[in-house]
């Protein structure tokens, strides 16, 4: 799609910014760990979050609506630890948006079950 965009469209396009991997912290075994992943729109037009997912069924993700220019939003993530033994974990969350330069962002969610 970007090859069909005008220079003006590219200049006004949304730009997703994610701080990097998310350290969700520690949680007692069997509990649900709630965390949020901040995302920012550094572009001009609204950033549409088209889909956010993880292949890990323990993660429940609530995606934000469109993010206006210069604004931040939080992706809510609940990690259900019922079926997981104690230890350190790293799970990937995939964010798909209308940012033409990088429509797919992959973020690691790291957490520890005690």
Protein backbone atom coordinates (compact mmCIF):
# COMPACT_ATOMS: atom_id res chain seq x y z
CA UNK A 1 0.00 0.00 0.00
CA UNK A 2 2.79 2.50 0.79
CA UNK A 3 3.88 2.57 -2.88
CA UNK A 4 0.46 4.04 -3.71
CA UNK A 5 0.61 6.69 -0.99
CA UNK A 6 1.44 10.29 -1.84
CA UNK A 7 4.22 12.15 -0.01
CA UNK A 8 1.53 14.11 1.84
CA UNK A 9 -0.26 10.92 2.94
CA UNK A 10 3.04 9.50 4.21
CA UNK A 11 3.78 12.72 6.14
CA UNK A 12 0.36 12.58 7.79
CA UNK A 13 0.41 8.84 8.46
CA UNK A 14 0.12 7.48 12.00
CA UNK A 15 3.33 6.24 13.64
CA UNK A 16 3.16 3.68 16.44
CA UNK A 17 5.66 3.99 19.26
CA UNK A 18 6.15 1.24 21.81
CA UNK A 19 8.73 1.68 24.58
CA UNK A 20 10.01 -1.87 24.11
CA UNK A 21 9.52 -5.10 25.97
CA UNK A 22 7.12 -5.00 28.91
CA UNK A 23 8.23 -6.19 32.32
CA UNK A 24 4.90 -7.16 33.89
CA UNK A 25 6.42 -8.06 37.27
CA UNK A 26 5.83 -10.92 39.67
CA UNK A 27 2.63 -12.76 40.53
CA UNK A 28 1.68 -15.55 42.93
CA UNK A 29 0.96 -18.89 41.24
CA UNK A 30 -2.70 -19.32 40.32
CA UNK A 31 -3.43 -15.58 40.32
CA UNK A 32 -4.11 -13.25 37.41
CA UNK A 33 -1.44 -10.67 36.68
CA UNK A 34 -2.84 -7.43 35.25
CA UNK A 35 -0.55 -5.13 33.31
CA UNK A 36 -0.74 -2.55 30.56
CA UNK A 37 1.41 -1.87 27.55
CA UNK A 38 1.54 1.83 26.62
CA UNK A 39 1.48 2.69 22.94
CA UNK A 40 1.75 6.18 21.41
CA UNK A 41 0.78 7.69 18.08
CA UNK A 42 3.68 9.93 17.01
CA UNK A 43 2.07 10.61 13.62
CA UNK A 44 -0.68 12.98 12.48
CA UNK A 45 -3.64 10.82 11.49
CA UNK A 46 -5.39 8.50 13.95
CA UNK A 47 -3.58 5.24 14.67
CA UNK A 48 -6.00 2.35 14.20
CA UNK A 49 -5.23 -0.71 16.26
CA UNK A 50 -6.51 -3.38 13.89
CA UNK A 51 -5.61 -6.44 15.95
CA UNK A 52 -3.58 -7.40 18.99
CA UNK A 53 -2.98 -11.01 19.82
CA UNK A 54 -0.78 -13.58 21.47
CA UNK A 55 -0.66 -17.26 20.63
CA UNK A 56 -0.55 -17.94 24.39
CA UNK A 57 -4.06 -18.66 25.69
CA UNK A 58 -3.04 -17.47 29.19
CA UNK A 59 -3.00 -13.88 27.91
CA UNK A 60 -6.25 -11.94 27.58
CA UNK A 61 -5.73 -8.71 25.67
CA UNK A 62 -8.07 -5.72 25.49
CA UNK A 63 -7.14 -3.43 22.65
CA UNK A 64 -7.69 0.33 22.67
CA UNK A 65 -9.76 2.20 20.13
CA UNK A 66 -8.03 4.53 17.67
CA UNK A 67 -5.22 6.63 19.16
CA UNK A 68 -5.31 10.31 18.18
CA UNK A 69 -2.20 12.22 17.08
CA UNK A 70 0.29 12.73 19.91
CA UNK A 71 -1.82 10.71 22.35
CA UNK A 72 -1.08 7.53 24.29
CA UNK A 73 -3.27 4.52 24.95
CA UNK A 74 -2.87 1.42 27.05
CA UNK A 75 -3.25 -2.14 25.87
CA UNK A 76 -4.65 -4.05 28.87
CA UNK A 77 -3.18 -7.51 29.35
CA UNK A 78 -4.37 -10.08 31.89
CA UNK A 79 -2.13 -13.10 32.41
CA UNK A 80 -3.91 -16.11 33.89
CA UNK A 81 -1.29 -18.20 35.72
CA UNK A 82 -3.56 -21.09 36.80
CA UNK A 83 -2.03 -23.67 34.45
CA UNK A 84 1.56 -22.40 34.71
CA UNK A 85 4.23 -23.58 37.17
CA UNK A 86 6.49 -21.15 39.04
CA UNK A 87 9.26 -19.64 36.94
CA UNK A 88 10.19 -16.85 34.53
CA UNK A 89 8.16 -16.38 31.35
CA UNK A 90 8.37 -14.37 28.17
CA UNK A 91 5.39 -14.21 25.83
CA UNK A 92 5.06 -12.37 22.54
CA UNK A 93 2.24 -9.94 21.81
CA UNK A 94 1.69 -8.90 18.19
CA UNK A 95 0.17 -5.47 17.45
CA UNK A 96 -1.20 -4.79 13.96
CA UNK A 97 -1.97 -1.16 13.07
CA UNK A 98 -2.39 1.18 10.12
CA UNK A 99 1.19 2.53 10.49
CA UNK A 100 2.36 1.98 6.90
CA UNK A 101 6.08 1.99 7.80
CA UNK A 102 5.78 -0.71 10.48
CA UNK A 103 2.28 -2.18 10.53
CA UNK A 104 3.34 -5.12 12.74
CA UNK A 105 5.00 -4.60 16.13
CA UNK A 106 6.13 -7.52 18.27
CA UNK A 107 6.53 -6.94 22.00
CA UNK A 108 7.75 -9.39 24.63
CA UNK A 109 5.80 -9.52 27.89
CA UNK A 110 8.08 -10.80 30.64
CA UNK A 111 6.77 -11.98 34.01
CA UNK A 112 7.65 -14.20 36.96
CA UNK A 113 5.34 -16.66 38.73
CA UNK A 114 6.33 -17.23 42.35
